[in-house]
Structures are given as structure tokens and as C-alpha cells.
PDB file of N, CA and C in Angstrom:
ATOM      1  N   MET A   1      19.877   0.738  -3.600  1.00  0.00           N
ATOM      2  CA  MET A   1      18.849   1.086  -2.632  1.00  0.00           C
ATOM      3  C   MET A   1      18.177  -0.216  -2.178  1.00  0.00           C
ATOM      4  N   GLU A   2      18.048  -0.413  -0.900  1.00  0.00           N
ATOM      5  CA  GLU A   2      17.452  -1.648  -0.395  1.00  0.00           C
ATOM      6  C   GLU A   2      15.928  -1.581  -0.420  1.00  0.00           C
ATOM      7  N   VAL A   3      15.302  -2.734  -0.252  1.00  0.00           N
ATOM      8  CA  VAL A   3      13.854  -2.873  -0.378  1.00  0.00           C
ATOM      9  C   VAL A   3      13.110  -1.936   0.565  1.00  0.00           C
ATOM     10  N   GLU A   4      13.502  -1.887   1.824  1.00  0.00           N
ATOM     11  CA  GLU A   4      12.779  -1.041   2.786  1.00  0.00           C
ATOM     12  C   GLU A   4      12.838   0.430   2.380  1.00  0.00           C
ATOM     13  N   GLU A   5      13.973   0.884   1.921  1.00  0.00           N
ATOM     14  CA  GLU A   5      14.112   2.275   1.487  1.00  0.00           C
ATOM     15  C   GLU A   5      13.244   2.542   0.259  1.00  0.00           C
ATOM     16  N   LYS A   6      13.222   1.602  -0.684  1.00  0.00           N
ATOM     17  CA  LYS A   6      12.372   1.754  -1.863  1.00  0.00           C
ATOM     18  C   LYS A   6      10.898   1.794  -1.475  1.00  0.00           C
ATOM     19  N   LEU A   7      10.508   0.925  -0.553  1.00  0.00           N
ATOM     20  CA  LEU A   7       9.110   0.914  -0.103  1.00  0.00           C
ATOM     21  C   LEU A   7       8.724   2.237   0.546  1.00  0.00           C
ATOM     22  N   ARG A   8       9.615   2.805   1.318  1.00  0.00           N
ATOM     23  CA  ARG A   8       9.314   4.107   1.947  1.00  0.00           C
ATOM     24  C   ARG A   8       9.115   5.189   0.887  1.00  0.00           C
ATOM     25  N   LYS A   9       9.924   5.147  -0.160  1.00  0.00           N
ATOM     26  CA  LYS A   9       9.768   6.111  -1.248  1.00  0.00           C
ATOM     27  C   LYS A   9       8.451   5.885  -1.996  1.00  0.00           C
ATOM     28  N   VAL A  10       8.093   4.617  -2.180  1.00  0.00           N
ATOM     29  CA  VAL A  10       6.811   4.279  -2.817  1.00  0.00           C
ATOM     30  C   VAL A  10       5.659   4.870  -2.003  1.00  0.00           C
ATOM     31  N   LEU A  11       5.697   4.675  -0.691  1.00  0.00           N
ATOM     32  CA  LEU A  11       4.611   5.178   0.161  1.00  0.00           C
ATOM     33  C   LEU A  11       4.615   6.698   0.242  1.00  0.00           C
ATOM     34  N   ASP A  12       5.803   7.301   0.238  1.00  0.00           N
ATOM     35  CA  ASP A  12       5.873   8.768   0.215  1.00  0.00           C
ATOM     36  C   ASP A  12       5.165   9.310  -1.028  1.00  0.00           C
ATOM     37  N   GLU A  13       5.425   8.678  -2.170  1.00  0.00           N
ATOM     38  CA  GLU A  13       4.798   9.120  -3.416  1.00  0.00           C
ATOM     39  C   GLU A  13       3.289   8.856  -3.393  1.00  0.00           C
ATOM     40  N   PHE A  14       2.880   7.695  -2.922  1.00  0.00           N
ATOM     41  CA  PHE A  14       1.456   7.386  -2.800  1.00  0.00           C
ATOM     42  C   PHE A  14       0.775   8.433  -1.912  1.00  0.00           C
ATOM     43  N   ASN A  15       1.364   8.725  -0.765  1.00  0.00           N
ATOM     44  CA  ASN A  15       0.768   9.683   0.164  1.00  0.00           C
ATOM     45  C   ASN A  15       0.737  11.095  -0.423  1.00  0.00           C
ATOM     46  N   ARG A  16       1.741  11.431  -1.210  1.00  0.00           N
ATOM     47  CA  ARG A  16       1.749  12.739  -1.868  1.00  0.00           C
ATOM     48  C   ARG A  16       0.593  12.836  -2.864  1.00  0.00           C
ATOM     49  N   LEU A  17       0.374  11.782  -3.613  1.00  0.00           N
ATOM     50  CA  LEU A  17      -0.670  11.788  -4.641  1.00  0.00           C
ATOM     51  C   LEU A  17      -2.079  11.606  -4.081  1.00  0.00           C
ATOM     52  N   HIS A  18      -2.221  10.823  -3.022  1.00  0.00           N
ATOM     53  CA  HIS A  18      -3.552  10.463  -2.507  1.00  0.00           C
ATOM     54  C   HIS A  18      -3.844  11.004  -1.111  1.00  0.00           C
ATOM     55  N   GLY A  19      -2.954  11.806  -0.574  1.00  0.00           N
ATOM     56  CA  GLY A  19      -3.049  12.245   0.816  1.00  0.00           C
ATOM     57  C   GLY A  19      -4.365  12.834   1.259  1.00  0.00           C
ATOM     58  N   SER A  20      -5.100  13.467   0.334  1.00  0.00           N
ATOM     59  CA  SER A  20      -6.383  14.053   0.738  1.00  0.00           C
ATOM     60  C   SER A  20      -7.466  12.988   0.905  1.00  0.00           C
ATOM     61  N   GLU A  21      -7.231  11.797   0.336  1.00  0.00           N
ATOM     62  CA  GLU A  21      -8.220  10.726   0.401  1.00  0.00           C
ATOM     63  C   GLU A  21      -7.763   9.544   1.238  1.00  0.00           C
ATOM     64  N   ALA A  22      -6.477   9.236   1.146  1.00  0.00           N
ATOM     65  CA  ALA A  22      -5.968   8.034   1.812  1.00  0.00           C
ATOM     66  C   ALA A  22      -4.477   8.186   2.082  1.00  0.00           C
ATOM     67  N   SER A  23      -4.041   7.559   3.147  1.00  0.00           N
ATOM     68  CA  SER A  23      -2.609   7.518   3.437  1.00  0.00           C
ATOM     69  C   SER A  23      -2.228   6.064   3.727  1.00  0.00           C
ATOM     70  N   ALA A  24      -0.960   5.773   3.497  1.00  0.00           N
ATOM     71  CA  ALA A  24      -0.484   4.404   3.677  1.00  0.00           C
ATOM     72  C   ALA A  24       0.790   4.413   4.506  1.00  0.00           C
ATOM     73  N   ARG A  25       0.969   3.335   5.273  1.00  0.00           N
ATOM     74  CA  ARG A  25       2.212   3.178   6.039  1.00  0.00           C
ATOM     75  C   ARG A  25       2.517   1.696   6.183  1.00  0.00           C
ATOM     76  N   ILE A  26       3.799   1.399   6.281  1.00  0.00           N
ATOM     77  CA  ILE A  26       4.236   0.019   6.440  1.00  0.00           C
ATOM     78  C   ILE A  26       4.025  -0.412   7.882  1.00  0.00           C
ATOM     79  N   LEU A  27       3.334  -1.509   8.073  1.00  0.00           N
ATOM     80  CA  LEU A  27       3.188  -2.080   9.415  1.00  0.00           C
ATOM     81  C   LEU A  27       4.252  -3.139   9.669  1.00  0.00           C
ATOM     82  N   LYS A  28       4.603  -3.889   8.597  1.00  0.00           N
ATOM     83  CA  LYS A  28       5.551  -4.983   8.780  1.00  0.00           C
ATOM     84  C   LYS A  28       6.211  -5.309   7.450  1.00  0.00           C
ATOM     85  N   LEU A  29       7.509  -5.543   7.506  1.00  0.00           N
ATOM     86  CA  LEU A  29       8.265  -6.013   6.348  1.00  0.00           C
ATOM     87  C   LEU A  29       9.110  -7.174   6.830  1.00  0.00           C
ATOM     88  N   GLU A  30       8.798  -8.347   6.316  1.00  0.00           N
ATOM     89  CA  GLU A  30       9.514  -9.543   6.751  1.00  0.00           C
ATOM     90  C   GLU A  30       9.595 -10.529   5.590  1.00  0.00           C
ATOM     91  N   GLY A  31      10.807 -10.919   5.238  1.00  0.00           N
ATOM     92  CA  GLY A  31      10.990 -11.863   4.149  1.00  0.00           C
ATOM     93  C   GLY A  31      10.437 -11.311   2.859  1.00  0.00           C
ATOM     94  N   ASP A  32       9.562 -12.069   2.233  1.00  0.00           N
ATOM     95  CA  ASP A  32       8.980 -11.649   0.958  1.00  0.00           C
ATOM     96  C   ASP A  32       7.600 -11.025   1.132  1.00  0.00           C
ATOM     97  N   GLU A  33       7.292 -10.574   2.348  1.00  0.00           N
ATOM     98  CA  GLU A  33       5.969 -10.042   2.636  1.00  0.00           C
ATOM     99  C   GLU A  33       6.053  -8.648   3.238  1.00  0.00           C
ATOM    100  N   VAL A  34       5.166  -7.784   2.788  1.00  0.00           N
ATOM    101  CA  VAL A  34       5.032  -6.464   3.391  1.00  0.00           C
ATOM    102  C   VAL A  34       3.551  -6.250   3.682  1.00  0.00           C
ATOM    103  N   ILE A  35       3.279  -5.722   4.867  1.00  0.00           N
ATOM    104  CA  ILE A  35       1.905  -5.435   5.275  1.00  0.00           C
ATOM    105  C   ILE A  35       1.782  -3.920   5.394  1.00  0.00           C
ATOM    106  N   ILE A  36       0.803  -3.378   4.671  1.00  0.00           N
ATOM    107  CA  ILE A  36       0.612  -1.930   4.586  1.00  0.00           C
ATOM    108  C   ILE A  36      -0.774  -1.578   5.094  1.00  0.00           C
ATOM    109  N   GLU A  37      -0.832  -0.542   5.919  1.00  0.00           N
ATOM    110  CA  GLU A  37      -2.098  -0.034   6.440  1.00  0.00           C
ATOM    111  C   GLU A  37      -2.513   1.192   5.630  1.00  0.00           C
ATOM    112  N   PHE A  38      -3.762   1.210   5.209  1.00  0.00           N
ATOM    113  CA  PHE A  38      -4.347   2.341   4.504  1.00  0.00           C
ATOM    114  C   PHE A  38      -5.414   2.946   5.408  1.00  0.00           C
ATOM    115  N   GLU A  39      -5.426   4.278   5.498  1.00  0.00           N
ATOM    116  CA  GLU A  39      -6.454   4.963   6.273  1.00  0.00           C
ATOM    117  C   GLU A  39      -6.923   6.179   5.497  1.00  0.00           C
ATOM    118  N   GLY A  40      -8.206   6.492   5.632  1.00  0.00           N
ATOM    119  CA  GLY A  40      -8.707   7.708   5.012  1.00  0.00           C
ATOM    120  C   GLY A  40     -10.171   7.626   4.673  1.00  0.00           C
ATOM    121  N   SER A  41     -10.622   8.651   3.965  1.00  0.00           N
ATOM    122  CA  SER A  41     -12.024   8.699   3.558  1.00  0.00           C
ATOM    123  C   SER A  41     -12.218   7.963   2.235  1.00  0.00           C
ATOM    124  N   PHE A  42     -11.177   7.834   1.440  1.00  0.00           N
ATOM    125  CA  PHE A  42     -11.201   7.152   0.155  1.00  0.00           C
ATOM    126  C   PHE A  42     -12.258   7.783  -0.752  1.00  0.00           C
ATOM    127  N   CYS A  43     -11.943   7.922  -1.991  1.00  0.00           N
ATOM    128  CA  CYS A  43     -12.838   8.523  -2.985  1.00  0.00           C
ATOM    129  C   CYS A  43     -14.017   7.579  -3.227  1.00  0.00           C
ATOM    130  N   ALA A  44     -15.221   8.093  -3.110  1.00  0.00           N
ATOM    131  CA  ALA A  44     -16.414   7.257  -3.265  1.00  0.00           C
ATOM    132  C   ALA A  44     -16.607   6.781  -4.704  1.00  0.00           C
ATOM    133  N   THR A  45     -16.109   7.529  -5.677  1.00  0.00           N
ATOM    134  CA  THR A  45     -16.290   7.130  -7.069  1.00  0.00           C
ATOM    135  C   THR A  45     -15.171   6.210  -7.561  1.00  0.00           C
ATOM    136  N   CYS A  46     -14.101   6.104  -6.800  1.00  0.00           N
ATOM    137  CA  CYS A  46     -12.998   5.208  -7.155  1.00  0.00           C
ATOM    138  C   CYS A  46     -13.263   3.836  -6.534  1.00  0.00           C
ATOM    139  N   GLY A  47     -12.729   2.823  -7.101  1.00  0.00           N
ATOM    140  CA  GLY A  47     -12.835   1.508  -6.486  1.00  0.00           C
ATOM    141  C   GLY A  47     -11.849   1.422  -5.331  1.00  0.00           C
ATOM    142  N   LEU A  48     -12.266   0.872  -4.231  1.00  0.00           N
ATOM    143  CA  LEU A  48     -11.400   0.765  -3.061  1.00  0.00           C
ATOM    144  C   LEU A  48     -10.109   0.030  -3.401  1.00  0.00           C
ATOM    145  N   TYR A  49     -10.237  -1.046  -4.157  1.00  0.00           N
ATOM    146  CA  TYR A  49      -9.055  -1.842  -4.476  1.00  0.00           C
ATOM    147  C   TYR A  49      -8.094  -1.115  -5.408  1.00  0.00           C
ATOM    148  N   ASP A  50      -8.552  -0.046  -6.061  1.00  0.00           N
ATOM    149  CA  ASP A  50      -7.652   0.760  -6.888  1.00  0.00           C
ATOM    150  C   ASP A  50      -6.540   1.367  -6.035  1.00  0.00           C
ATOM    151  N   TYR A  51      -6.848   1.740  -4.803  1.00  0.00           N
ATOM    152  CA  TYR A  51      -5.815   2.279  -3.914  1.00  0.00           C
ATOM    153  C   TYR A  51      -4.748   1.228  -3.632  1.00  0.00           C
ATOM    154  N   PHE A  52      -5.183   0.007  -3.407  1.00  0.00           N
ATOM    155  CA  PHE A  52      -4.247  -1.078  -3.110  1.00  0.00           C
ATOM    156  C   PHE A  52      -3.389  -1.396  -4.339  1.00  0.00           C
ATOM    157  N   ASP A  53      -3.989  -1.305  -5.513  1.00  0.00           N
ATOM    158  CA  ASP A  53      -3.239  -1.523  -6.755  1.00  0.00           C
ATOM    159  C   ASP A  53      -2.295  -0.365  -7.068  1.00  0.00           C
ATOM    160  N   ASP A  54      -2.672   0.850  -6.668  1.00  0.00           N
ATOM    161  CA  ASP A  54      -1.808   2.001  -6.935  1.00  0.00           C
ATOM    162  C   ASP A  54      -0.435   1.831  -6.284  1.00  0.00           C
ATOM    163  N   ILE A  55      -0.385   1.203  -5.121  1.00  0.00           N
ATOM    164  CA  ILE A  55       0.908   0.926  -4.481  1.00  0.00           C
ATOM    165  C   ILE A  55       1.745   0.038  -5.406  1.00  0.00           C
ATOM    166  N   LYS A  56       1.112  -0.942  -5.988  1.00  0.00           N
ATOM    167  CA  LYS A  56       1.791  -1.851  -6.922  1.00  0.00           C
ATOM    168  C   LYS A  56       2.394  -1.077  -8.088  1.00  0.00           C
ATOM    169  N   TRP A  57       1.613  -0.154  -8.671  1.00  0.00           N
ATOM    170  CA  TRP A  57       2.101   0.627  -9.813  1.00  0.00           C
ATOM    171  C   TRP A  57       3.204   1.594  -9.404  1.00  0.00           C
ATOM    172  N   GLU A  58       3.065   2.220  -8.241  1.00  0.00           N
ATOM    173  CA  GLU A  58       4.121   3.121  -7.757  1.00  0.00           C
ATOM    174  C   GLU A  58       5.416   2.348  -7.534  1.00  0.00           C
ATOM    175  N   ALA A  59       5.296   1.137  -7.021  1.00  0.00           N
ATOM    176  CA  ALA A  59       6.477   0.316  -6.737  1.00  0.00           C
ATOM    177  C   ALA A  59       7.280   0.052  -8.005  1.00  0.00           C
ATOM    178  N   MET A  60       6.602  -0.134  -9.125  1.00  0.00           N
ATOM    179  CA  MET A  60       7.296  -0.384 -10.384  1.00  0.00           C
ATOM    180  C   MET A  60       8.245   0.756 -10.739  1.00  0.00           C
ATOM    181  N   ASP A  61       7.846   1.985 -10.411  1.00  0.00           N
ATOM    182  CA  ASP A  61       8.697   3.141 -10.689  1.00  0.00           C
ATOM    183  C   ASP A  61      10.002   3.101  -9.898  1.00  0.00           C
ATOM    184  N   PHE A  62      10.018   2.337  -8.820  1.00  0.00           N
ATOM    185  CA  PHE A  62      11.210   2.218  -7.980  1.00  0.00           C
ATOM    186  C   PHE A  62      11.878   0.851  -8.131  1.00  0.00           C
ATOM    187  N   GLY A  63      11.488   0.109  -9.167  1.00  0.00           N
ATOM    188  CA  GLY A  63      12.125  -1.173  -9.458  1.00  0.00           C
ATOM    189  C   GLY A  63      11.684  -2.316  -8.566  1.00  0.00           C
ATOM    190  N   LEU A  64      10.517  -2.184  -7.944  1.00  0.00           N
ATOM    191  CA  LEU A  64       9.979  -3.252  -7.097  1.00  0.00           C
ATOM    192  C   LEU A  64       8.746  -3.863  -7.738  1.00  0.00           C
ATOM    193  N   GLU A  65       8.569  -5.140  -7.525  1.00  0.00           N
ATOM    194  CA  GLU A  65       7.326  -5.801  -7.911  1.00  0.00           C
ATOM    195  C   GLU A  65       6.585  -6.145  -6.620  1.00  0.00           C
ATOM    196  N   LEU A  66       5.386  -5.649  -6.505  1.00  0.00           N
ATOM    197  CA  LEU A  66       4.535  -5.945  -5.347  1.00  0.00           C
ATOM    198  C   LEU A  66       3.240  -6.536  -5.858  1.00  0.00           C
ATOM    199  N   GLU A  67       2.827  -7.609  -5.259  1.00  0.00           N
ATOM    200  CA  GLU A  67       1.572  -8.235  -5.654  1.00  0.00           C
ATOM    201  C   GLU A  67       0.634  -8.251  -4.455  1.00  0.00           C
ATOM    202  N   PRO A  68      -0.531  -7.551  -4.539  1.00  0.00           N
ATOM    203  CA  PRO A  68      -1.479  -7.614  -3.431  1.00  0.00           C
ATOM    204  C   PRO A  68      -1.979  -9.049  -3.262  1.00  0.00           C
ATOM    205  N   VAL A  69      -1.917  -9.545  -2.051  1.00  0.00           N
ATOM    206  CA  VAL A  69      -2.326 -10.916  -1.766  1.00  0.00           C
ATOM    207  C   VAL A  69      -3.714 -10.938  -1.135  1.00  0.00           C
ATOM    208  N   GLY A  70      -3.995  -9.993  -0.270  1.00  0.00           N
ATOM    209  CA  GLY A  70      -5.311  -9.972   0.355  1.00  0.00           C
ATOM    210  C   GLY A  70      -5.437  -8.926   1.434  1.00  0.00           C
ATOM    211  N   VAL A  71      -6.668  -8.600   1.748  1.00  0.00           N
ATOM    212  CA  VAL A  71      -6.977  -7.654   2.819  1.00  0.00           C
ATOM    213  C   VAL A  71      -7.046  -8.444   4.120  1.00  0.00           C
ATOM    214  N   LEU A  72      -6.223  -8.058   5.088  1.00  0.00           N
ATOM    215  CA  LEU A  72      -6.192  -8.756   6.373  1.00  0.00           C
ATOM    216  C   LEU A  72      -7.220  -8.193   7.347  1.00  0.00           C
ATOM    217  N   GLU A  73      -7.430  -6.880   7.283  1.00  0.00           N
ATOM    218  CA  GLU A  73      -8.386  -6.218   8.176  1.00  0.00           C
ATOM    219  C   GLU A  73      -9.116  -5.142   7.386  1.00  0.00           C
ATOM    220  N   ALA A  74     -10.372  -4.935   7.706  1.00  0.00           N
ATOM    221  CA  ALA A  74     -11.160  -3.877   7.080  1.00  0.00           C
ATOM    222  C   ALA A  74     -12.104  -3.305   8.126  1.00  0.00           C
ATOM    223  N   GLU A  75     -12.055  -1.990   8.284  1.00  0.00           N
ATOM    224  CA  GLU A  75     -12.933  -1.307   9.245  1.00  0.00           C
ATOM    225  C   GLU A  75     -13.456  -0.042   8.593  1.00  0.00           C
ATOM    226  N   GLU A  76     -14.718   0.247   8.800  1.00  0.00           N
ATOM    227  CA  GLU A  76     -15.297   1.504   8.356  1.00  0.00           C
ATOM    228  C   GLU A  76     -16.156   2.038   9.491  1.00  0.00           C
ATOM    229  N   ASP A  77     -16.175   3.363   9.625  1.00  0.00           N
ATOM    230  CA  ASP A  77     -17.015   3.950  10.658  1.00  0.00           C
ATOM    231  C   ASP A  77     -18.149   4.746  10.020  1.00  0.00           C
ATOM    232  N   GLU A  78     -19.013   5.281  10.846  1.00  0.00           N
ATOM    233  CA  GLU A  78     -20.193   5.993  10.351  1.00  0.00           C
ATOM    234  C   GLU A  78     -19.850   7.316   9.671  1.00  0.00           C
ATOM    235  N   PHE A  79     -18.616   7.782   9.794  1.00  0.00           N
ATOM    236  CA  PHE A  79     -18.208   9.036   9.177  1.00  0.00           C
ATOM    237  C   PHE A  79     -17.494   8.784   7.842  1.00  0.00           C
ATOM    238  N   GLU A  80     -17.682   7.591   7.300  1.00  0.00           N
ATOM    239  CA  GLU A  80     -17.110   7.199   6.026  1.00  0.00           C
ATOM    240  C   GLU A  80     -15.583   7.243   6.033  1.00  0.00           C
ATOM    241  N   HIS A  81     -15.022   6.939   7.160  1.00  0.00           N
ATOM    242  CA  HIS A  81     -13.582   6.821   7.293  1.00  0.00           C
ATOM    243  C   HIS A  81     -13.273   5.339   7.347  1.00  0.00           C
ATOM    244  N   GLY A  82     -12.201   4.939   6.715  1.00  0.00           N
ATOM    245  CA  GLY A  82     -11.882   3.520   6.706  1.00  0.00           C
ATOM    246  C   GLY A  82     -10.439   3.233   7.040  1.00  0.00           C
ATOM    247  N   ARG A  83     -10.202   2.001   7.425  1.00  0.00           N
ATOM    248  CA  ARG A  83      -8.847   1.507   7.713  1.00  0.00           C
ATOM    249  C   ARG A  83      -8.785   0.091   7.142  1.00  0.00           C
ATOM    250  N   TYR A  84      -7.753  -0.136   6.341  1.00  0.00           N
ATOM    251  CA  TYR A  84      -7.575  -1.434   5.697  1.00  0.00           C
ATOM    252  C   TYR A  84      -6.120  -1.852   5.832  1.00  0.00           C
ATOM    253  N   VAL A  85      -5.918  -3.101   6.131  1.00  0.00           N
ATOM    254  CA  VAL A  85      -4.569  -3.653   6.233  1.00  0.00           C
ATOM    255  C   VAL A  85      -4.441  -4.687   5.122  1.00  0.00           C
ATOM    256  N   VAL A  86      -3.438  -4.462   4.254  1.00  0.00           N
ATOM    257  CA  VAL A  86      -3.294  -5.280   3.053  1.00  0.00           C
ATOM    258  C   VAL A  86      -1.924  -5.953   3.038  1.00  0.00           C
ATOM    259  N   ARG A  87      -1.930  -7.229   2.689  1.00  0.00           N
ATOM    260  CA  ARG A  87      -0.683  -7.996   2.566  1.00  0.00           C
ATOM    261  C   ARG A  87      -0.240  -7.988   1.098  1.00  0.00           C
ATOM    262  N   TYR A  88       1.045  -7.702   0.899  1.00  0.00           N
ATOM    263  CA  TYR A  88       1.646  -7.741  -0.429  1.00  0.00           C
ATOM    264  C   TYR A  88       2.788  -8.742  -0.405  1.00  0.00           C
ATOM    265  N   ARG A  89       3.060  -9.302  -1.553  1.00  0.00           N
ATOM    266  CA  ARG A  89       4.177 -10.230  -1.686  1.00  0.00           C
ATOM    267  C   ARG A  89       5.202  -9.635  -2.633  1.00  0.00           C
ATOM    268  N   LEU A  90       6.470  -9.716  -2.230  1.00  0.00           N
ATOM    269  CA  LEU A  90       7.599  -9.314  -3.065  1.00  0.00           C
ATOM    270  C   LEU A  90       8.177 -10.573  -3.694  1.00  0.00           C
ATOM    271  N   PRO A  91       8.286 -10.632  -5.017  1.00  0.00           N
ATOM    272  CA  PRO A  91       8.918 -11.819  -5.620  1.00  0.00           C
ATOM    273  C   PRO A  91      10.343 -11.978  -5.100  1.00  0.00           C
ATOM    274  N   PRO A  92      10.760 -13.182  -4.792  1.00  0.00           N
ATOM    275  CA  PRO A  92      12.092 -13.423  -4.212  1.00  0.00           C
ATOM    276  C   PRO A  92      13.235 -12.809  -5.007  1.00  0.00           C
ATOM    277  N   LYS A  93      13.155 -12.787  -6.326  1.00  0.00           N
ATOM    278  CA  LYS A  93      14.235 -12.230  -7.132  1.00  0.00           C
ATOM    279  C   LYS A  93      14.438 -10.743  -6.888  1.00  0.00           C
ATOM    280  N   ARG A  94      13.430 -10.056  -6.348  1.00  0.00           N
ATOM    281  CA  ARG A  94      13.508  -8.617  -6.116  1.00  0.00           C
ATOM    282  C   ARG A  94      13.973  -8.262  -4.712  1.00  0.00           C
ATOM    283  N   LEU A  95      14.259  -9.235  -3.888  1.00  0.00           N
ATOM    284  CA  LEU A  95      14.629  -8.964  -2.503  1.00  0.00           C
ATOM    285  C   LEU A  95      16.084  -8.559  -2.331  1.00  0.00           C
ATOM    286  N   LYS A  96      16.878  -8.619  -3.375  1.00  0.00           N
ATOM    287  CA  LYS A  96      18.307  -8.306  -3.271  1.00  0.00           C
ATOM    288  C   LYS A  96      18.586  -6.854  -3.492  1.00  0.00           C
TER     289      LYS A  96
END
């Protein structure tokens, strides 16, 4: 299974588990970098960065290592809805 297919399965599982609070989608996959957009109301009692880390943990189940590198964009509106764009790095050894 190639990296892009594994990432789609990772996001499908994330969205299944967190869909009522947050959803994720791939914006860009290039080289050793993947950029993922998160949108939703997000659980107020959970740490925001826990959502970004959950992708990392889900990826392990599919044999991928993902390391969150940083938030590229962050937006919140008055209705407590948010949108975050996060950059992840794939270790080169896992790109095959």
C-alpha cells in the first residue's frame, strides 16, 4: 500500500472517530511532507493539539510515521468553529 493510500485510510479512521467534533483532509502531499486541514468545533475539554497528535497515532496503525511540524494557519470564528492547517513530516525511510 503506498503512502497516499495509507494516509487516506488514516484520515478515514480519524474522521470516523472524531467526526462529530473535527474532520481532517489532505491538502497537499509532496516529498516527505503532508499538509492536513482540520475543521470543526473541537472538544472544549480536549487540548487542540491532541487532535493533531491523534493523526500521528492513527498513522502508526497503518505503518506510517508522521511527525507534526507546525500549524501553518489557524482561524476561529465567533461560533466556536475552527480551521487549522498542520504540516507533518514523513521520515524518508517510510516513503517507500
